[in-house]
C-alpha atoms as a PDB file:
ATOM      1  CA  MET A   1      93.733  95.220 111.868  1.00  0.00           C
ATOM      2  CA  GLN A   2      94.119  98.268 113.273  1.00  0.00           C
ATOM      3  CA  ALA A   3      93.216 101.178 111.447  1.00  0.00           C
ATOM      4  CA  SER A   4      95.590 103.875 110.332  1.00  0.00           C
ATOM      5  CA  PRO A   5      94.667 107.277 112.752  1.00  0.00           C
ATOM      6  CA  THR A   6      93.130 110.223 110.732  1.00  0.00           C
ATOM      7  CA  LEU A   7      95.072 113.638 110.242  1.00  0.00           C
ATOM      8  CA  GLU A   8      93.303 115.021 112.814  1.00  0.00           C
ATOM      9  CA  ALA A   9      93.906 112.594 115.614  1.00  0.00           C
ATOM     10  CA  ILE A  10      97.717 112.923 115.131  1.00  0.00           C
ATOM     11  CA  PRO A  11      98.753 115.287 118.285  1.00  0.00           C
ATOM     12  CA  ARG A  12     100.372 118.052 117.182  1.00  0.00           C
ATOM     13  CA  PRO A  13     103.499 119.567 119.286  1.00  0.00           C
ATOM     14  CA  VAL A  14     102.679 122.297 121.257  1.00  0.00           C
ATOM     15  CA  PRO A  15     104.802 125.312 120.213  1.00  0.00           C
ATOM     16  CA  PRO A  16     107.273 126.345 123.257  1.00  0.00           C
ATOM     17  CA  LEU A  17     106.575 129.645 125.017  1.00  0.00           C
ATOM     18  CA  SER A  18     108.729 132.727 124.063  1.00  0.00           C
ATOM     19  CA  HIS A  19     110.869 134.273 126.392  1.00  0.00           C
ATOM     20  CA  LEU A  20     108.140 136.824 127.825  1.00  0.00           C
ATOM     21  CA  ASP A  21     105.421 134.240 127.842  1.00  0.00           C
ATOM     22  CA  ALA A  22     107.724 132.037 129.652  1.00  0.00           C
ATOM     23  CA  LEU A  23     108.251 134.771 132.276  1.00  0.00           C
ATOM     24  CA  GLU A  24     104.717 136.167 132.731  1.00  0.00           C
ATOM     25  CA  SER A  25     103.540 132.165 133.164  1.00  0.00           C
ATOM     26  CA  GLU A  26     106.007 132.295 136.077  1.00  0.00           C
ATOM     27  CA  ALA A  27     105.005 135.537 137.435  1.00  0.00           C
ATOM     28  CA  VAL A  28     101.265 134.651 137.078  1.00  0.00           C
ATOM     29  CA  HIS A  29     101.991 131.299 138.863  1.00  0.00           C
ATOM     30  CA  ILE A  30     103.755 132.726 141.910  1.00  0.00           C
ATOM     31  CA  PHE A  31     100.557 135.434 142.219  1.00  0.00           C
ATOM     32  CA  ARG A  32      97.787 132.613 142.539  1.00  0.00           C
ATOM     33  CA  GLU A  33     100.164 130.571 144.815  1.00  0.00           C
ATOM     34  CA  VAL A  34     100.464 133.150 147.110  1.00  0.00           C
ATOM     35  CA  ALA A  35      96.700 134.291 146.850  1.00  0.00           C
ATOM     36  CA  GLY A  36      96.032 130.435 147.865  1.00  0.00           C
ATOM     37  CA  GLU A  37      98.728 130.446 151.069  1.00  0.00           C
ATOM     38  CA  PHE A  38      98.347 133.473 152.481  1.00  0.00           C
ATOM     39  CA  ASP A  39      95.620 135.266 154.152  1.00  0.00           C
ATOM     40  CA  ARG A  40      96.324 139.109 153.812  1.00  0.00           C
ATOM     41  CA  PRO A  41      98.836 139.689 150.717  1.00  0.00           C
ATOM     42  CA  VAL A  42      99.592 143.221 149.492  1.00  0.00           C
ATOM     43  CA  ILE A  43     101.881 144.418 146.458  1.00  0.00           C
ATOM     44  CA  LEU A  44     104.382 147.126 146.946  1.00  0.00           C
ATOM     45  CA  PHE A  45     103.383 149.915 144.940  1.00  0.00           C
ATOM     46  CA  SER A  46     105.070 152.948 144.332  1.00  0.00           C
ATOM     47  CA  GLY A  47     104.030 154.579 140.838  1.00  0.00           C
ATOM     48  CA  GLY A  48     107.514 152.802 139.394  1.00  0.00           C
ATOM     49  CA  LYS A  49     107.617 150.779 136.165  1.00  0.00           C
ATOM     50  CA  ASP A  50     108.805 147.582 137.988  1.00  0.00           C
ATOM     51  CA  SER A  51     105.666 148.086 140.981  1.00  0.00           C
ATOM     52  CA  THR A  52     103.041 148.835 137.785  1.00  0.00           C
ATOM     53  CA  LEU A  53     104.329 145.554 135.986  1.00  0.00           C
ATOM     54  CA  LEU A  54     103.356 143.889 139.577  1.00  0.00           C
ATOM     55  CA  VAL A  55      99.873 145.209 139.355  1.00  0.00           C
ATOM     56  CA  HIS A  56      99.561 144.269 135.304  1.00  0.00           C
ATOM     57  CA  LEU A  57     100.611 140.549 136.017  1.00  0.00           C
ATOM     58  CA  ALA A  58      98.079 140.518 139.295  1.00  0.00           C
ATOM     59  CA  ARG A  59      95.217 141.954 137.409  1.00  0.00           C
ATOM     60  CA  LYS A  60      96.222 138.852 134.347  1.00  0.00           C
ATOM     61  CA  ALA A  61      96.193 136.325 137.066  1.00  0.00           C
ATOM     62  CA  PHE A  62      93.229 136.686 138.303  1.00  0.00           C
ATOM     63  CA  TRP A  63      91.611 138.622 135.531  1.00  0.00           C
ATOM     64  CA  PRO A  64      88.400 138.834 135.003  1.00  0.00           C
ATOM     65  CA  ALA A  65      88.066 138.761 138.867  1.00  0.00           C
ATOM     66  CA  PRO A  66      89.277 141.960 140.444  1.00  0.00           C
ATOM     67  CA  MET A  67      92.951 142.012 141.740  1.00  0.00           C
ATOM     68  CA  PRO A  68      92.628 140.642 145.222  1.00  0.00           C
ATOM     69  CA  PHE A  69      94.878 142.517 146.720  1.00  0.00           C
ATOM     70  CA  PRO A  70      95.627 146.106 148.099  1.00  0.00           C
ATOM     71  CA  LEU A  71      98.515 148.056 147.095  1.00  0.00           C
ATOM     72  CA  LEU A  72     101.242 149.362 149.859  1.00  0.00           C
ATOM     73  CA  HIS A  73     103.833 152.870 149.666  1.00  0.00           C
ATOM     74  CA  VAL A  74     105.441 154.084 151.911  1.00  0.00           C
ATOM     75  CA  ASP A  75     106.100 158.172 150.563  1.00  0.00           C
ATOM     76  CA  THR A  76     109.408 159.680 151.882  1.00  0.00           C
ATOM     77  CA  GLY A  77     107.913 162.984 151.057  1.00  0.00           C
ATOM     78  CA  HIS A  78     110.524 163.306 148.307  1.00  0.00           C
ATOM     79  CA  ASN A  79     108.769 161.220 145.737  1.00  0.00           C
ATOM     80  CA  PHE A  80     108.429 162.603 142.200  1.00  0.00           C
ATOM     81  CA  PRO A  81     105.217 164.824 141.927  1.00  0.00           C
ATOM     82  CA  GLU A  82     104.479 163.070 138.364  1.00  0.00           C
ATOM     83  CA  VAL A  83     104.739 159.676 140.088  1.00  0.00           C
ATOM     84  CA  LEU A  84     102.794 160.180 143.073  1.00  0.00           C
ATOM     85  CA  ARG A  85      99.866 161.206 140.490  1.00  0.00           C
ATOM     86  CA  PHE A  86     100.191 158.032 138.489  1.00  0.00           C
ATOM     87  CA  ARG A  87      99.776 155.963 141.472  1.00  0.00           C
ATOM     88  CA  ASP A  88      96.845 157.611 142.588  1.00  0.00           C
ATOM     89  CA  GLU A  89      95.210 157.674 139.354  1.00  0.00           C
ATOM     90  CA  LEU A  90      95.847 153.877 138.533  1.00  0.00           C
ATOM     91  CA  ALA A  91      94.687 153.045 142.205  1.00  0.00           C
ATOM     92  CA  GLY A  92      91.789 155.087 141.398  1.00  0.00           C
ATOM     93  CA  SER A  93      91.447 153.526 138.142  1.00  0.00           C
ATOM     94  CA  LEU A  94      91.325 149.896 139.536  1.00  0.00           C
ATOM     95  CA  GLY A  95      89.314 150.909 142.410  1.00  0.00           C
ATOM     96  CA  ALA A  96      92.046 149.357 144.547  1.00  0.00           C
ATOM     97  CA  ARG A  97      93.015 149.990 148.420  1.00  0.00           C
ATOM     98  CA  LEU A  98      96.061 152.027 148.653  1.00  0.00           C
ATOM     99  CA  VAL A  99      97.850 152.062 152.354  1.00  0.00           C
ATOM    100  CA  VAL A 100     100.502 155.185 152.258  1.00  0.00           C
ATOM    101  CA  ALA A 101     102.778 155.205 155.061  1.00  0.00           C
ATOM    102  CA  HIS A 102     104.445 158.693 155.145  1.00  0.00           C
ATOM    103  CA  VAL A 103     107.670 158.898 156.498  1.00  0.00           C
ATOM    104  CA  GLN A 104     107.364 162.443 157.486  1.00  0.00           C
ATOM    105  CA  ASN A 105     104.537 161.181 159.940  1.00  0.00           C
ATOM    106  CA  TRP A 106     107.638 158.648 161.750  1.00  0.00           C
ATOM    107  CA  ILE A 107     109.613 161.877 161.959  1.00  0.00           C
ATOM    108  CA  ASP A 108     107.298 164.059 163.339  1.00  0.00           C
ATOM    109  CA  ASP A 109     106.215 161.303 166.041  1.00  0.00           C
ATOM    110  CA  GLY A 110     110.437 160.718 167.001  1.00  0.00           C
ATOM    111  CA  ARG A 111     109.966 157.541 166.010  1.00  0.00           C
ATOM    112  CA  ILE A 112     112.868 158.379 163.744  1.00  0.00           C
ATOM    113  CA  ALA A 113     115.095 161.065 162.943  1.00  0.00           C
ATOM    114  CA  GLU A 114     116.082 163.001 159.611  1.00  0.00           C
ATOM    115  CA  ARG A 115     119.240 162.576 158.232  1.00  0.00           C
ATOM    116  CA  ALA A 116     122.114 165.218 158.078  1.00  0.00           C
ATOM    117  CA  ASP A 117     122.307 164.313 154.317  1.00  0.00           C
ATOM    118  CA  GLY A 118     118.729 164.904 153.524  1.00  0.00           C
ATOM    119  CA  THR A 119     118.483 161.693 152.100  1.00  0.00           C
ATOM    120  CA  ARG A 120     115.160 159.904 153.080  1.00  0.00           C
ATOM    121  CA  ASN A 121     115.512 156.253 150.865  1.00  0.00           C
ATOM    122  CA  PRO A 122     116.971 154.626 154.163  1.00  0.00           C
ATOM    123  CA  LEU A 123     113.936 155.931 156.295  1.00  0.00           C
ATOM    124  CA  GLN A 124     111.739 153.632 155.039  1.00  0.00           C
ATOM    125  CA  THR A 125     112.368 150.815 157.030  1.00  0.00           C
ATOM    126  CA  VAL A 126     110.902 151.337 159.917  1.00  0.00           C
ATOM    127  CA  PRO A 127     107.442 152.516 158.474  1.00  0.00           C
ATOM    128  CA  LEU A 128     106.984 149.793 156.370  1.00  0.00           C
ATOM    129  CA  LEU A 129     107.596 147.632 158.957  1.00  0.00           C
ATOM    130  CA  ASP A 130     105.115 149.116 161.180  1.00  0.00           C
ATOM    131  CA  THR A 131     102.739 149.283 158.585  1.00  0.00           C
ATOM    132  CA  ILE A 132     102.859 145.750 157.634  1.00  0.00           C
ATOM    133  CA  ALA A 133     102.295 144.862 161.266  1.00  0.00           C
ATOM    134  CA  ALA A 134      99.436 147.139 161.820  1.00  0.00           C
ATOM    135  CA  ASN A 135      97.685 145.836 158.629  1.00  0.00           C
ATOM    136  CA  ARG A 136      98.742 142.161 159.924  1.00  0.00           C
ATOM    137  CA  PHE A 137     100.229 141.769 156.334  1.00  0.00           C
ATOM    138  CA  ASP A 138     102.136 138.131 155.860  1.00  0.00           C
ATOM    139  CA  ALA A 139     102.943 138.573 152.155  1.00  0.00           C
ATOM    140  CA  VAL A 140     104.492 141.521 150.416  1.00  0.00           C
ATOM    141  CA  PHE A 141     104.939 141.519 147.157  1.00  0.00           C
ATOM    142  CA  GLY A 142     108.011 143.635 145.502  1.00  0.00           C
ATOM    143  CA  GLY A 143     109.182 144.229 142.531  1.00  0.00           C
ATOM    144  CA  GLY A 144     113.113 143.215 143.187  1.00  0.00           C
ATOM    145  CA  ARG A 145     115.169 141.671 140.465  1.00  0.00           C
ATOM    146  CA  ARG A 146     118.433 139.520 141.008  1.00  0.00           C
ATOM    147  CA  ASP A 147     119.868 141.838 137.985  1.00  0.00           C
ATOM    148  CA  GLU A 148     119.771 144.845 139.538  1.00  0.00           C
ATOM    149  CA  GLU A 149     122.022 144.379 142.889  1.00  0.00           C
ATOM    150  CA  ARG A 150     124.233 141.889 144.183  1.00  0.00           C
ATOM    151  CA  ALA A 151     122.241 141.365 147.480  1.00  0.00           C
ATOM    152  CA  ARG A 152     118.880 141.125 145.586  1.00  0.00           C
ATOM    153  CA  ALA A 153     121.091 138.256 143.198  1.00  0.00           C
ATOM    154  CA  LYS A 154     120.876 136.155 146.702  1.00  0.00           C
ATOM    155  CA  GLU A 155     117.363 136.414 147.204  1.00  0.00           C
ATOM    156  CA  ARG A 156     114.822 133.585 147.234  1.00  0.00           C
ATOM    157  CA  ILE A 157     111.380 134.509 144.954  1.00  0.00           C
ATOM    158  CA  PHE A 158     109.745 133.631 148.581  1.00  0.00           C
ATOM    159  CA  SER A 159     111.810 135.171 151.187  1.00  0.00           C
ATOM    160  CA  LEU A 160     111.452 134.474 154.520  1.00  0.00           C
ATOM    161  CA  ARG A 161     111.440 137.439 157.138  1.00  0.00           C
ATOM    162  CA  ASN A 162     111.426 137.226 160.761  1.00  0.00           C
ATOM    163  CA  ALA A 163     109.176 138.578 163.376  1.00  0.00           C
ATOM    164  CA  PHE A 164     110.864 141.673 163.077  1.00  0.00           C
ATOM    165  CA  GLY A 165     111.003 141.578 159.444  1.00  0.00           C
ATOM    166  CA  GLN A 166     114.983 141.140 159.367  1.00  0.00           C
ATOM    167  CA  TRP A 167     116.241 138.545 156.465  1.00  0.00           C
ATOM    168  CA  GLU A 168     118.476 136.151 157.388  1.00  0.00           C
ATOM    169  CA  PRO A 169     120.396 134.800 154.567  1.00  0.00           C
ATOM    170  CA  LYS A 170     120.471 130.873 156.091  1.00  0.00           C
ATOM    171  CA  ARG A 171     117.389 130.432 156.380  1.00  0.00           C
ATOM    172  CA  GLN A 172     116.174 130.804 152.881  1.00  0.00           C
ATOM    173  CA  ARG A 173     114.660 127.669 151.718  1.00  0.00           C
ATOM    174  CA  PRO A 174     115.479 125.721 148.352  1.00  0.00           C
ATOM    175  CA  GLU A 175     113.479 126.321 145.713  1.00  0.00           C
ATOM    176  CA  LEU A 176     113.047 123.462 143.509  1.00  0.00           C
ATOM    177  CA  TRP A 177     111.113 123.526 140.047  1.00  0.00           C
ATOM    178  CA  ASN A 178     108.216 125.975 140.634  1.00  0.00           C
ATOM    179  CA  LEU A 179     107.357 124.677 144.163  1.00  0.00           C
ATOM    180  CA  TYR A 180     107.360 127.621 146.750  1.00  0.00           C
ATOM    181  CA  ASN A 181     107.553 126.998 150.486  1.00  0.00           C
ATOM    182  CA  GLY A 182     105.033 129.748 152.118  1.00  0.00           C
ATOM    183  CA  ARG A 183     105.131 128.154 155.535  1.00  0.00           C
ATOM    184  CA  HIS A 184     105.729 131.038 158.394  1.00  0.00           C
ATOM    185  CA  ARG A 185     105.084 131.455 162.234  1.00  0.00           C
ATOM    186  CA  PRO A 186     102.471 133.793 163.776  1.00  0.00           C
ATOM    187  CA  GLY A 187     104.607 137.348 163.678  1.00  0.00           C
ATOM    188  CA  GLU A 188     106.622 136.338 160.670  1.00  0.00           C
ATOM    189  CA  GLN A 189     106.021 137.306 156.964  1.00  0.00           C
ATOM    190  CA  VAL A 190     107.323 136.481 153.519  1.00  0.00           C
ATOM    191  CA  ARG A 191     108.323 138.904 150.723  1.00  0.00           C
ATOM    192  CA  VAL A 192     107.544 137.532 147.584  1.00  0.00           C
ATOM    193  CA  PHE A 193     109.607 138.580 143.948  1.00  0.00           C
ATOM    194  CA  PRO A 194     107.463 137.430 141.407  1.00  0.00           C
ATOM    195  CA  LEU A 195     109.953 139.376 138.763  1.00  0.00           C
ATOM    196  CA  SER A 196     113.258 137.729 140.267  1.00  0.00           C
ATOM    197  CA  ASN A 197     114.057 136.280 136.660  1.00  0.00           C
ATOM    198  CA  TRP A 198     113.501 139.253 134.699  1.00  0.00           C
ATOM    199  CA  THR A 199     116.208 141.850 133.689  1.00  0.00           C
ATOM    200  CA  GLU A 200     115.796 145.363 133.147  1.00  0.00           C
ATOM    201  CA  LEU A 201     115.627 144.738 129.293  1.00  0.00           C
ATOM    202  CA  ASP A 202     112.809 142.035 129.607  1.00  0.00           C
ATOM    203  CA  VAL A 203     110.895 144.629 131.476  1.00  0.00           C
ATOM    204  CA  TRP A 204     111.012 147.323 128.891  1.00  0.00           C
ATOM    205  CA  ARG A 205     109.832 144.412 125.964  1.00  0.00           C
ATOM    206  CA  TYR A 206     107.094 143.590 128.077  1.00  0.00           C
ATOM    207  CA  ILE A 207     106.066 146.872 128.344  1.00  0.00           C
ATOM    208  CA  GLU A 208     105.982 147.268 124.502  1.00  0.00           C
ATOM    209  CA  ARG A 209     104.533 144.144 123.907  1.00  0.00           C
ATOM    210  CA  GLU A 210     101.414 144.624 126.468  1.00  0.00           C
ATOM    211  CA  GLY A 211     101.010 148.527 125.949  1.00  0.00           C
ATOM    212  CA  ILE A 212     101.723 149.484 129.660  1.00  0.00           C
ATOM    213  CA  GLU A 213     101.216 152.771 130.409  1.00  0.00           C
ATOM    214  CA  LEU A 214     104.378 154.364 132.750  1.00  0.00           C
ATOM    215  CA  PRO A 215     104.555 157.846 134.380  1.00  0.00           C
ATOM    216  CA  GLY A 216     106.551 160.350 131.481  1.00  0.00           C
ATOM    217  CA  ILE A 217     109.452 160.647 134.086  1.00  0.00           C
ATOM    218  CA  TYR A 218     111.032 157.606 132.452  1.00  0.00           C
ATOM    219  CA  TYR A 219     111.253 159.096 129.007  1.00  0.00           C
ATOM    220  CA  ALA A 220     113.380 162.018 127.720  1.00  0.00           C
ATOM    221  CA  HIS A 221     111.885 164.900 128.540  1.00  0.00           C
ATOM    222  CA  GLU A 222     113.745 168.358 129.614  1.00  0.00           C
ATOM    223  CA  ARG A 223     114.459 169.089 133.092  1.00  0.00           C
ATOM    224  CA  PRO A 224     116.094 171.399 135.837  1.00  0.00           C
ATOM    225  CA  VAL A 225     118.770 169.419 137.126  1.00  0.00           C
ATOM    226  CA  PHE A 226     122.301 169.553 139.107  1.00  0.00           C
ATOM    227  CA  ARG A 227     125.258 167.518 139.048  1.00  0.00           C
ATOM    228  CA  ARG A 228     126.462 165.909 142.150  1.00  0.00           C
ATOM    229  CA  ASP A 229     128.857 162.681 142.551  1.00  0.00           C
ATOM    230  CA  GLY A 230     128.674 161.764 138.904  1.00  0.00           C
ATOM    231  CA  MET A 231     124.640 161.825 138.400  1.00  0.00           C
ATOM    232  CA  TRP A 232     122.175 164.522 137.451  1.00  0.00           C
ATOM    233  CA  LEU A 233     119.764 165.026 140.657  1.00  0.00           C
ATOM    234  CA  THR A 234     116.652 167.328 140.360  1.00  0.00           C
ATOM    235  CA  GLU A 235     116.248 170.243 142.783  1.00  0.00           C
ATOM    236  CA  GLY A 236     113.526 169.635 145.174  1.00  0.00           C
ATOM    237  CA  PRO A 237     112.303 169.559 149.274  1.00  0.00           C
ATOM    238  CA  TRP A 238     116.149 168.249 150.261  1.00  0.00           C
ATOM    239  CA  PHE A 239     119.656 169.527 150.299  1.00  0.00           C
ATOM    240  CA  GLY A 240     120.532 170.841 146.900  1.00  0.00           C
ATOM    241  CA  PRO A 241     121.947 172.300 145.145  1.00  0.00           C
ATOM    242  CA  ARG A 242     124.605 173.466 147.105  1.00  0.00           C
ATOM    243  CA  LEU A 243     126.665 176.561 146.635  1.00  0.00           C
ATOM    244  CA  ASP A 244     128.869 174.953 144.180  1.00  0.00           C
ATOM    245  CA  GLU A 245     126.044 172.895 142.415  1.00  0.00           C
ATOM    246  CA  GLN A 246     124.693 175.082 139.220  1.00  0.00           C
ATOM    247  CA  VAL A 247     121.531 173.847 137.711  1.00  0.00           C
ATOM    248  CA  GLU A 248     121.455 173.597 134.343  1.00  0.00           C
ATOM    249  CA  THR A 249     118.137 172.209 132.015  1.00  0.00           C
ATOM    250  CA  ARG A 250     119.227 168.846 130.171  1.00  0.00           C
ATOM    251  CA  LEU A 251     117.320 166.492 128.495  1.00  0.00           C
ATOM    252  CA  VAL A 252     117.292 163.689 130.619  1.00  0.00           C
ATOM    253  CA  ARG A 253     114.892 160.425 131.700  1.00  0.00           C
ATOM    254  CA  TYR A 254     114.921 158.177 134.755  1.00  0.00           C
ATOM    255  CA  ARG A 255     115.403 154.513 134.447  1.00  0.00           C
ATOM    256  CA  THR A 256     114.199 153.624 138.302  1.00  0.00           C
ATOM    257  CA  VAL A 257     112.301 156.162 140.377  1.00  0.00           C
ATOM    258  CA  GLY A 258     112.475 156.714 144.262  1.00  0.00           C
ATOM    259  CA  ASP A 259     113.575 159.613 146.637  1.00  0.00           C
ATOM    260  CA  GLY A 260     114.566 162.361 144.487  1.00  0.00           C
ATOM    261  CA  SER A 261     117.337 163.036 146.918  1.00  0.00           C
ATOM    262  CA  CYS A 262     119.455 159.884 145.636  1.00  0.00           C
ATOM    263  CA  THR A 263     117.893 158.814 142.521  1.00  0.00           C
ATOM    264  CA  GLY A 264     120.000 160.480 139.748  1.00  0.00           C
ATOM    265  CA  ALA A 265     118.879 161.121 135.801  1.00  0.00           C
ATOM    266  CA  VAL A 266     120.546 159.901 132.719  1.00  0.00           C
ATOM    267  CA  GLU A 267     121.011 162.295 129.857  1.00  0.00           C
ATOM    268  CA  SER A 268     118.966 160.601 127.481  1.00  0.00           C
ATOM    269  CA  GLY A 269     117.022 161.099 124.077  1.00  0.00           C
ATOM    270  CA  ALA A 270     114.960 158.346 124.185  1.00  0.00           C
ATOM    271  CA  ARG A 271     111.395 159.442 123.964  1.00  0.00           C
ATOM    272  CA  THR A 272     109.435 156.439 123.197  1.00  0.00           C
ATOM    273  CA  VAL A 273     109.452 152.626 124.834  1.00  0.00           C
ATOM    274  CA  PRO A 274     111.464 151.556 121.380  1.00  0.00           C
ATOM    275  CA  GLU A 275     113.926 153.721 122.216  1.00  0.00           C
ATOM    276  CA  VAL A 276     114.337 153.317 125.621  1.00  0.00           C
ATOM    277  CA  ILE A 277     114.494 149.283 124.827  1.00  0.00           C
ATOM    278  CA  ALA A 278     117.468 149.887 121.937  1.00  0.00           C
ATOM    279  CA  GLU A 279     119.016 152.256 124.900  1.00  0.00           C
ATOM    280  CA  VAL A 280     119.065 149.482 127.461  1.00  0.00           C
ATOM    281  CA  SER A 281     120.276 147.138 125.126  1.00  0.00           C
ATOM    282  CA  ALA A 282     123.743 149.010 124.625  1.00  0.00           C
ATOM    283  CA  SER A 283     123.971 150.077 128.459  1.00  0.00           C
ATOM    284  CA  ARG A 284     126.557 148.137 130.809  1.00  0.00           C
ATOM    285  CA  LEU A 285     125.458 149.695 133.839  1.00  0.00           C
ATOM    286  CA  THR A 286     122.692 148.359 135.895  1.00  0.00           C
ATOM    287  CA  GLU A 287     120.033 151.121 136.343  1.00  0.00           C
ATOM    288  CA  ARG A 288     120.675 150.915 140.355  1.00  0.00           C
ATOM    289  CA  GLY A 289     124.447 151.378 139.931  1.00  0.00           C
ATOM    290  CA  ALA A 290     123.932 154.268 137.395  1.00  0.00           C
ATOM    291  CA  THR A 291     121.359 156.549 139.416  1.00  0.00           C
ATOM    292  CA  ARG A 292     121.132 155.460 142.897  1.00  0.00           C
ATOM    293  CA  ALA A 293     123.221 157.076 145.110  1.00  0.00           C
ATOM    294  CA  ASP A 294     122.355 155.214 148.140  1.00  0.00           C
ATOM    295  CA  ASP A 295     123.425 151.993 146.814  1.00  0.00           C
ATOM    296  CA  ARG A 296     126.989 153.930 146.325  1.00  0.00           C
ATOM    297  CA  LEU A 297     127.323 154.315 150.470  1.00  0.00           C
ATOM    298  CA  SER A 298     129.104 151.501 151.142  1.00  0.00           C
ATOM    299  CA  GLU A 299     129.805 147.870 149.077  1.00  0.00           C
ATOM    300  CA  ALA A 300     127.042 146.391 151.282  1.00  0.00           C
ATOM    301  CA  ALA A 301     124.627 148.753 151.305  1.00  0.00           C
ATOM    302  CA  MET A 302     121.680 147.151 150.127  1.00  0.00           C
ATOM    303  CA  GLU A 303     122.124 143.870 152.022  1.00  0.00           C
ATOM    304  CA  ASP A 304     122.853 145.726 155.185  1.00  0.00           C
ATOM    305  CA  ARG A 305     119.457 147.351 154.496  1.00  0.00           C
ATOM    306  CA  LYS A 306     117.669 144.115 153.529  1.00  0.00           C
ATOM    307  CA  ARG A 307     118.983 142.368 156.982  1.00  0.00           C
ATOM    308  CA  GLU A 308     117.193 145.858 158.926  1.00  0.00           C
ATOM    309  CA  GLY A 309     113.716 144.700 156.895  1.00  0.00           C
ATOM    310  CA  TYR A 310     113.965 146.598 153.925  1.00  0.00           C
ATOM    311  CA  PHE A 311     113.225 145.107 150.648  1.00  0.00           C
END
């Protein structure tokens, strides 16, 4: 007669992963898949919250070994100084190789031309593609999320780009379960989005849980700003303020960071991560919809840039 199993021998159910643990696990899996499938991956890193989260997850994926990817930033020359300081300090603390493509260099030698409106965000595409080609990067990690904007909601996690860096929606491959197809021809590249299934609120809750440091610009601080097209913009080396735009000191914070000529601040008293989480939870506008003027140029502004080779 078979003996009854002891209490210790009875398998115990494995508790399900929490929502944040599941997102983290997916991102870690993606980083490891890319490391196994590609020869020269790179992380697009601006010093913003999403790219900082990418670096944190990449470090987790390979700990205790060092993160095996260099960092790439396309610097418009109109970035916020505190964000650039944070970028350099984080890269230095990790001992990571930081590749910086300065948009000003492309303007100076005539490869691109300054825009009449002073914004340089749309000028990032050519420096990005040139730098990818020069370094032979075959996979480029980006911090894009599907909740940000309609064009990004169409994006696969592995997004194939042709030899000109262009996005062709009809060539995107199905992604079943957690199977990702990294096949590409010579000269083609794959953009990879480990945060695709995260929301802005997920990002902040994970930042709180992990104690991830960010530039102070993400938290409420007093800043000289002026009003344009419904947004608070900062004074800087771009066009503004105009004669009819008055500079005021306001308590503001930034939900997203980028080119200072088109990235607006929001009035806020949220000085801590829990306060930011409460504010984001109550918001009904995406961060790009609320604070990025370049996405308001047309209904398809982001999709047009993606087709040209932008993220």
